[in-house]
Amino acid sequence: MDPNRRTKMLIIAEILETSRRGVSRNQIMSKVNLNSRQMWQYLRFACQNDLLSQKKDKVEYETTDTGFRFLKHYYKTIELLHVENTEDPKRAPKV
């Protein structure tokens, strides 16, 4: 595996972080740096697994309680495994 590539779990976590307060598909695509095909693939997965919900009457997505639990466990696992986070420190996770 290419060490410069993001894992699927990291991409899901980035989408959930971006969607904490409700955002549009374009904002997700831009902030998480995904193309349209990738974005739809991840949004479908996240919604089907109750990690994201689509706000009624709006084209916005918001992290669900299940999504917040996922983030908590994801960051705890990263911490326990002592995996180095090579991302920009300004984008550090908020748990």
Protein backbone atom coordinates (compact mmCIF):
# COMPACT_ATOMS: atom_id res chain seq x y z
CA MET A 1 0.00 0.00 0.00
CA ASP A 2 1.25 3.43 -0.95
CA PRO A 3 2.05 5.31 2.29
CA ASN A 4 0.90 8.58 0.69
CA ARG A 5 -2.62 7.28 0.03
CA ARG A 6 -5.41 7.82 2.53
CA THR A 7 -7.21 4.80 3.90
CA LYS A 8 -10.95 4.40 3.44
CA MET A 9 -11.39 4.77 7.19
CA LEU A 10 -9.51 8.08 7.17
CA ILE A 11 -11.63 9.39 4.29
CA ILE A 12 -14.83 8.44 6.15
CA ALA A 13 -13.50 10.18 9.28
CA GLU A 14 -12.68 13.31 7.25
CA ILE A 15 -16.19 13.34 5.76
CA LEU A 16 -17.75 12.98 9.22
CA GLU A 17 -15.55 15.75 10.64
CA THR A 18 -16.48 18.04 7.75
CA SER A 19 -20.18 17.28 8.21
CA ARG A 20 -20.41 17.95 11.96
CA ARG A 21 -22.83 20.88 11.53
CA GLY A 22 -24.32 20.12 8.14
CA VAL A 23 -22.66 20.82 4.80
CA SER A 24 -23.44 20.50 1.11
CA ARG A 25 -22.05 17.81 -1.18
CA ASN A 26 -19.81 20.40 -2.82
CA GLN A 27 -18.33 21.39 0.53
CA ILE A 28 -17.61 17.75 1.34
CA MET A 29 -16.04 17.17 -2.06
CA SER A 30 -13.87 20.27 -1.74
CA LYS A 31 -12.78 19.94 1.90
CA VAL A 32 -12.09 16.19 1.75
CA ASN A 33 -10.54 16.45 -1.72
CA LEU A 34 -12.67 13.85 -3.51
CA ASN A 35 -13.87 13.66 -7.08
CA SER A 36 -17.57 13.32 -7.80
CA ARG A 37 -17.50 9.53 -8.21
CA GLN A 38 -15.61 9.01 -4.95
CA MET A 39 -17.86 11.42 -3.09
CA TRP A 40 -21.03 9.56 -4.12
CA GLN A 41 -19.47 6.22 -3.19
CA TYR A 42 -18.53 7.42 0.31
CA LEU A 43 -21.78 9.34 0.90
CA ARG A 44 -23.82 6.28 -0.02
CA PHE A 45 -21.75 4.10 2.33
CA ALA A 46 -21.96 6.62 5.20
CA CYS A 47 -25.72 7.12 4.83
CA GLN A 48 -26.45 3.39 4.52
CA ASN A 49 -24.52 2.77 7.74
CA ASP A 50 -26.19 5.65 9.62
CA LEU A 51 -22.96 7.65 9.92
CA LEU A 52 -24.43 10.58 7.96
CA SER A 53 -27.95 11.79 7.45
CA GLN A 54 -29.35 14.00 4.74
CA LYS A 55 -31.22 16.95 6.17
CA LYS A 56 -34.85 17.05 5.11
CA ASP A 57 -35.80 19.75 2.60
CA LYS A 58 -32.11 20.58 2.09
CA VAL A 59 -29.27 19.13 0.12
CA GLU A 60 -27.04 18.97 3.18
CA TYR A 61 -25.46 16.14 5.09
CA GLU A 62 -24.86 16.00 8.82
CA THR A 63 -22.94 13.59 11.05
CA THR A 64 -25.29 11.39 13.11
CA ASP A 65 -24.82 10.17 16.69
CA THR A 66 -23.55 6.90 15.22
CA GLY A 67 -21.09 8.91 13.13
CA PHE A 68 -19.83 10.72 16.22
CA ARG A 69 -19.36 7.36 17.97
CA PHE A 70 -17.44 6.12 14.92
CA LEU A 71 -15.15 9.18 15.12
CA LYS A 72 -14.54 8.67 18.83
CA HIS A 73 -13.59 5.02 18.33
CA TYR A 74 -11.58 5.74 15.20
CA TYR A 75 -9.41 8.36 16.92
CA LYS A 76 -9.04 6.19 20.03
CA THR A 77 -7.86 3.29 17.86
CA ILE A 78 -5.33 5.51 16.09
CA GLU A 79 -4.09 6.72 19.47
CA LEU A 80 -3.84 3.18 20.90
CA LEU A 81 -1.93 1.91 17.90
CA HIS A 82 0.42 4.90 18.00
CA VAL A 83 -0.14 5.55 14.33
CA GLU A 84 1.50 8.78 13.33
CA ASN A 85 -0.83 11.37 11.94
CA THR A 86 1.02 12.97 9.03
CA GLU A 87 -1.74 15.43 8.27
CA ASP A 88 -1.63 19.16 8.74
CA PRO A 89 -1.82 19.86 12.53
CA LYS A 90 -4.43 22.55 11.86
CA ARG A 91 -6.80 19.75 10.79
CA ALA A 92 -6.29 17.78 13.99
CA PRO A 93 -9.37 15.80 15.01
CA LYS A 94 -11.80 17.26 17.53
CA VAL A 95 -13.23 14.59 19.77
